Amino acid sequence: MKKYKEILKMAVENEVEAHEFYKDAAAKVDNNVLKSTFKELADEEKKHEQLLKSYFEKSTDEMKFDETKDYHIAETVEKQPLTTSMSFKDAIALAMKKEQEAMEMYQQFANASEDDAQKQTFQELAKMEQGHKTRLEDIYNNAAFAEVW
């Protein structure tokens, strides 16, 4: 149980870090659409931080996230450092990779957990991150392959 609480605390810290990343990214990029997208993602991460804190403090009994399709696009792109001049497509690819890493981390915790309730919590956290990843993959797909439209 102690390790479980430590992992949940780490999950809260990861959401804080993700919020800061997206907030900083919004401040650094020049593209207004990308700036808006990153601000929106920062807001979502802040909400997830609050949700995890309430779960950690037991004011929320259960976490449930919708399962989303995983297109596995993030697995096909390389993670690049954030720059002010990076293209919209590359910035979304970076965000996808960050969400993929978080999703995989929670899934590994779920796989390693022997307690069913803990396993369920980590699976829900993985679904939460997968939802972000799927959303970003949709954006990426539309930006990277605009010629199809």
C-alpha atoms as a PDB file:
ATOM      1  CA  MET A   1       0.000   0.000   0.000  1.00  0.00           C
ATOM      2  CA  LYS A   2       2.896   2.350   0.745  1.00  0.00           C
ATOM      3  CA  LYS A   3       4.359   1.796  -2.735  1.00  0.00           C
ATOM      4  CA  TYR A   4       0.906   2.261  -4.251  1.00  0.00           C
ATOM      5  CA  LYS A   5       0.526   5.651  -2.542  1.00  0.00           C
ATOM      6  CA  GLU A   6       4.048   6.600  -3.658  1.00  0.00           C
ATOM      7  CA  ILE A   7       3.124   5.746  -7.239  1.00  0.00           C
ATOM      8  CA  LEU A   8      -0.095   7.767  -7.019  1.00  0.00           C
ATOM      9  CA  LYS A   9       1.914  10.669  -5.642  1.00  0.00           C
ATOM     10  CA  MET A  10       4.290  10.272  -8.581  1.00  0.00           C
ATOM     11  CA  ALA A  11       1.269  10.265 -10.933  1.00  0.00           C
ATOM     12  CA  VAL A  12       0.199  13.615  -9.463  1.00  0.00           C
ATOM     13  CA  GLU A  13       3.737  14.943  -9.974  1.00  0.00           C
ATOM     14  CA  ASN A  14       3.686  13.674 -13.570  1.00  0.00           C
ATOM     15  CA  GLU A  15       0.472  15.611 -14.213  1.00  0.00           C
ATOM     16  CA  VAL A  16       2.057  18.742 -12.725  1.00  0.00           C
ATOM     17  CA  GLU A  17       5.085  18.210 -14.968  1.00  0.00           C
ATOM     18  CA  ALA A  18       2.863  17.678 -18.022  1.00  0.00           C
ATOM     19  CA  HIS A  19       0.899  20.835 -17.173  1.00  0.00           C
ATOM     20  CA  GLU A  20       4.148  22.813 -16.946  1.00  0.00           C
ATOM     21  CA  PHE A  21       5.440  21.298 -20.199  1.00  0.00           C
ATOM     22  CA  TYR A  22       2.306  22.265 -22.141  1.00  0.00           C
ATOM     23  CA  LYS A  23       2.180  25.708 -20.516  1.00  0.00           C
ATOM     24  CA  ASP A  24       5.829  26.323 -21.417  1.00  0.00           C
ATOM     25  CA  ALA A  25       5.295  24.923 -24.900  1.00  0.00           C
ATOM     26  CA  ALA A  26       2.364  27.302 -25.435  1.00  0.00           C
ATOM     27  CA  ALA A  27       4.590  30.209 -24.424  1.00  0.00           C
ATOM     28  CA  LYS A  28       7.446  29.121 -26.706  1.00  0.00           C
ATOM     29  CA  VAL A  29       5.710  28.334 -29.997  1.00  0.00           C
ATOM     30  CA  ASP A  30       4.893  31.008 -32.549  1.00  0.00           C
ATOM     31  CA  ASN A  31       1.995  29.233 -34.275  1.00  0.00           C
ATOM     32  CA  ASN A  32      -1.298  30.488 -32.773  1.00  0.00           C
ATOM     33  CA  VAL A  33      -3.193  27.238 -33.389  1.00  0.00           C
ATOM     34  CA  LEU A  34      -0.421  25.268 -31.714  1.00  0.00           C
ATOM     35  CA  LYS A  35      -0.296  27.796 -28.865  1.00  0.00           C
ATOM     36  CA  SER A  36      -4.043  27.323 -28.318  1.00  0.00           C
ATOM     37  CA  THR A  37      -3.750  23.528 -28.505  1.00  0.00           C
ATOM     38  CA  PHE A  38      -0.971  23.490 -25.915  1.00  0.00           C
ATOM     39  CA  LYS A  39      -2.916  25.806 -23.604  1.00  0.00           C
ATOM     40  CA  GLU A  40      -5.902  23.477 -23.831  1.00  0.00           C
ATOM     41  CA  LEU A  41      -3.703  20.463 -23.063  1.00  0.00           C
ATOM     42  CA  ALA A  42      -2.186  22.322 -20.088  1.00  0.00           C
ATOM     43  CA  ASP A  43      -5.698  22.925 -18.751  1.00  0.00           C
ATOM     44  CA  GLU A  44      -6.557  19.234 -19.160  1.00  0.00           C
ATOM     45  CA  GLU A  45      -3.428  18.172 -17.303  1.00  0.00           C
ATOM     46  CA  LYS A  46      -4.336  20.549 -14.463  1.00  0.00           C
ATOM     47  CA  LYS A  47      -7.781  18.913 -14.227  1.00  0.00           C
ATOM     48  CA  HIS A  48      -6.166  15.485 -14.134  1.00  0.00           C
ATOM     49  CA  GLU A  49      -3.837  16.656 -11.382  1.00  0.00           C
ATOM     50  CA  GLN A  50      -6.867  17.727  -9.310  1.00  0.00           C
ATOM     51  CA  LEU A  51      -8.641  14.436 -10.040  1.00  0.00           C
ATOM     52  CA  LEU A  52      -5.621  12.413  -8.931  1.00  0.00           C
ATOM     53  CA  LYS A  53      -5.201  14.510  -5.809  1.00  0.00           C
ATOM     54  CA  SER A  54      -8.838  13.922  -4.847  1.00  0.00           C
ATOM     55  CA  TYR A  55      -8.429  10.214  -5.557  1.00  0.00           C
ATOM     56  CA  PHE A  56      -5.218  10.116  -3.543  1.00  0.00           C
ATOM     57  CA  GLU A  57      -6.968  11.855  -0.653  1.00  0.00           C
ATOM     58  CA  LYS A  58      -9.899   9.414  -1.018  1.00  0.00           C
ATOM     59  CA  SER A  59     -12.502  12.104  -1.676  1.00  0.00           C
ATOM     60  CA  THR A  60     -13.134  10.275  -4.936  1.00  0.00           C
ATOM     61  CA  ASP A  61     -13.825   6.549  -4.713  1.00  0.00           C
ATOM     62  CA  GLU A  62     -13.413   5.557  -8.312  1.00  0.00           C
ATOM     63  CA  MET A  63     -11.671   6.717 -11.433  1.00  0.00           C
ATOM     64  CA  LYS A  64     -13.211   5.898 -14.797  1.00  0.00           C
ATOM     65  CA  PHE A  65     -12.047   6.985 -18.231  1.00  0.00           C
ATOM     66  CA  ASP A  66     -13.447   6.044 -21.591  1.00  0.00           C
ATOM     67  CA  GLU A  67     -11.375   3.641 -23.582  1.00  0.00           C
ATOM     68  CA  THR A  68     -10.173   5.131 -26.856  1.00  0.00           C
ATOM     69  CA  LYS A  69      -8.759   3.667 -30.014  1.00  0.00           C
ATOM     70  CA  ASP A  70      -4.980   3.519 -30.109  1.00  0.00           C
ATOM     71  CA  TYR A  71      -3.785   4.359 -33.623  1.00  0.00           C
ATOM     72  CA  HIS A  72      -0.108   3.721 -32.698  1.00  0.00           C
ATOM     73  CA  ILE A  73       0.986   6.798 -34.640  1.00  0.00           C
ATOM     74  CA  ALA A  74       3.129   8.020 -31.738  1.00  0.00           C
ATOM     75  CA  GLU A  75       5.169   4.857 -31.998  1.00  0.00           C
ATOM     76  CA  THR A  76       6.163   5.797 -35.569  1.00  0.00           C
ATOM     77  CA  VAL A  77       7.579   9.265 -34.881  1.00  0.00           C
ATOM     78  CA  GLU A  78      10.800  10.380 -33.228  1.00  0.00           C
ATOM     79  CA  LYS A  79      10.794  12.557 -30.129  1.00  0.00           C
ATOM     80  CA  GLN A  80      12.497  15.875 -30.792  1.00  0.00           C
ATOM     81  CA  PRO A  81      13.382  18.687 -28.388  1.00  0.00           C
ATOM     82  CA  LEU A  82      10.916  21.552 -28.097  1.00  0.00           C
ATOM     83  CA  THR A  83      11.988  24.651 -30.024  1.00  0.00           C
ATOM     84  CA  THR A  84      10.271  27.960 -30.755  1.00  0.00           C
ATOM     85  CA  SER A  85      10.436  27.353 -34.479  1.00  0.00           C
ATOM     86  CA  MET A  86       9.363  23.722 -34.622  1.00  0.00           C
ATOM     87  CA  SER A  87       6.600  22.889 -37.035  1.00  0.00           C
ATOM     88  CA  PHE A  88       3.064  22.234 -35.854  1.00  0.00           C
ATOM     89  CA  LYS A  89       3.402  18.595 -36.897  1.00  0.00           C
ATOM     90  CA  ASP A  90       6.659  18.119 -34.963  1.00  0.00           C
ATOM     91  CA  ALA A  91       5.280  19.807 -31.840  1.00  0.00           C
ATOM     92  CA  ILE A  92       2.217  17.541 -31.871  1.00  0.00           C
ATOM     93  CA  ALA A  93       4.530  14.542 -32.425  1.00  0.00           C
ATOM     94  CA  LEU A  94       6.492  15.544 -29.315  1.00  0.00           C
ATOM     95  CA  ALA A  95       3.284  15.808 -27.280  1.00  0.00           C
ATOM     96  CA  MET A  96       2.131  12.397 -28.593  1.00  0.00           C
ATOM     97  CA  LYS A  97       5.400  10.822 -27.482  1.00  0.00           C
ATOM     98  CA  LYS A  98       5.059  12.301 -23.987  1.00  0.00           C
ATOM     99  CA  GLU A  99       1.529  10.901 -23.654  1.00  0.00           C
ATOM    100  CA  GLN A 100       2.670   7.519 -25.003  1.00  0.00           C
ATOM    101  CA  GLU A 101       5.430   7.361 -22.375  1.00  0.00           C
ATOM    102  CA  ALA A 102       2.969   8.166 -19.579  1.00  0.00           C
ATOM    103  CA  MET A 103       0.458   5.605 -20.885  1.00  0.00           C
ATOM    104  CA  GLU A 104       3.127   2.888 -21.051  1.00  0.00           C
ATOM    105  CA  MET A 105       4.378   3.696 -17.555  1.00  0.00           C
ATOM    106  CA  TYR A 106       0.904   3.291 -16.029  1.00  0.00           C
ATOM    107  CA  GLN A 107       0.321   0.101 -18.001  1.00  0.00           C
ATOM    108  CA  GLN A 108       3.584  -1.314 -16.624  1.00  0.00           C
ATOM    109  CA  PHE A 109       2.426  -0.452 -13.098  1.00  0.00           C
ATOM    110  CA  ALA A 110      -0.891  -2.212 -13.800  1.00  0.00           C
ATOM    111  CA  ASN A 111       0.893  -5.278 -15.122  1.00  0.00           C
ATOM    112  CA  ALA A 112       3.163  -5.404 -12.064  1.00  0.00           C
ATOM    113  CA  SER A 113       0.364  -4.872  -9.543  1.00  0.00           C
ATOM    114  CA  GLU A 114      -0.868  -7.888  -7.621  1.00  0.00           C
ATOM    115  CA  ASP A 115      -3.781  -6.059  -5.978  1.00  0.00           C
ATOM    116  CA  ASP A 116      -6.910  -5.903  -8.168  1.00  0.00           C
ATOM    117  CA  ALA A 117      -7.954  -2.425  -6.986  1.00  0.00           C
ATOM    118  CA  GLN A 118      -4.486  -1.041  -7.627  1.00  0.00           C
ATOM    119  CA  LYS A 119      -4.322  -2.749 -11.004  1.00  0.00           C
ATOM    120  CA  GLN A 120      -7.672  -1.135 -11.920  1.00  0.00           C
ATOM    121  CA  THR A 121      -6.428   2.299 -10.846  1.00  0.00           C
ATOM    122  CA  PHE A 122      -3.339   2.020 -13.018  1.00  0.00           C
ATOM    123  CA  GLN A 123      -5.371   0.740 -15.956  1.00  0.00           C
ATOM    124  CA  GLU A 124      -7.652   3.778 -15.644  1.00  0.00           C
ATOM    125  CA  LEU A 125      -4.621   6.086 -15.538  1.00  0.00           C
ATOM    126  CA  ALA A 126      -3.278   4.380 -18.672  1.00  0.00           C
ATOM    127  CA  LYS A 127      -6.663   4.937 -20.363  1.00  0.00           C
ATOM    128  CA  MET A 128      -6.560   8.601 -19.354  1.00  0.00           C
ATOM    129  CA  GLU A 129      -3.179   9.043 -21.027  1.00  0.00           C
ATOM    130  CA  GLN A 130      -4.270   6.985 -24.023  1.00  0.00           C
ATOM    131  CA  GLY A 131      -7.177   9.400 -24.472  1.00  0.00           C
ATOM    132  CA  HIS A 132      -4.697  12.281 -24.716  1.00  0.00           C
ATOM    133  CA  LYS A 133      -2.524  10.290 -27.094  1.00  0.00           C
ATOM    134  CA  THR A 134      -5.474   9.437 -29.343  1.00  0.00           C
ATOM    135  CA  ARG A 135      -6.584  13.062 -29.458  1.00  0.00           C
ATOM    136  CA  LEU A 136      -3.074  14.171 -30.390  1.00  0.00           C
ATOM    137  CA  GLU A 137      -2.790  11.410 -32.993  1.00  0.00           C
ATOM    138  CA  ASP A 138      -5.975  12.709 -34.616  1.00  0.00           C
ATOM    139  CA  ILE A 139      -4.529  16.229 -34.703  1.00  0.00           C
ATOM    140  CA  TYR A 140      -1.206  14.913 -36.001  1.00  0.00           C
ATOM    141  CA  ASN A 141      -2.858  12.849 -38.700  1.00  0.00           C
ATOM    142  CA  ASN A 142      -4.780  15.879 -39.966  1.00  0.00           C
ATOM    143  CA  ALA A 143      -1.682  18.115 -39.843  1.00  0.00           C
ATOM    144  CA  ALA A 144       0.839  15.665 -41.276  1.00  0.00           C
ATOM    145  CA  PHE A 145      -1.371  14.442 -44.077  1.00  0.00           C
ATOM    146  CA  ALA A 146      -3.325  17.588 -44.914  1.00  0.00           C
ATOM    147  CA  GLU A 147      -2.952  16.852 -48.629  1.00  0.00           C
ATOM    148  CA  VAL A 148      -5.420  13.976 -48.218  1.00  0.00           C
ATOM    149  CA  TRP A 149      -8.148  16.457 -47.326  1.00  0.00           C
END
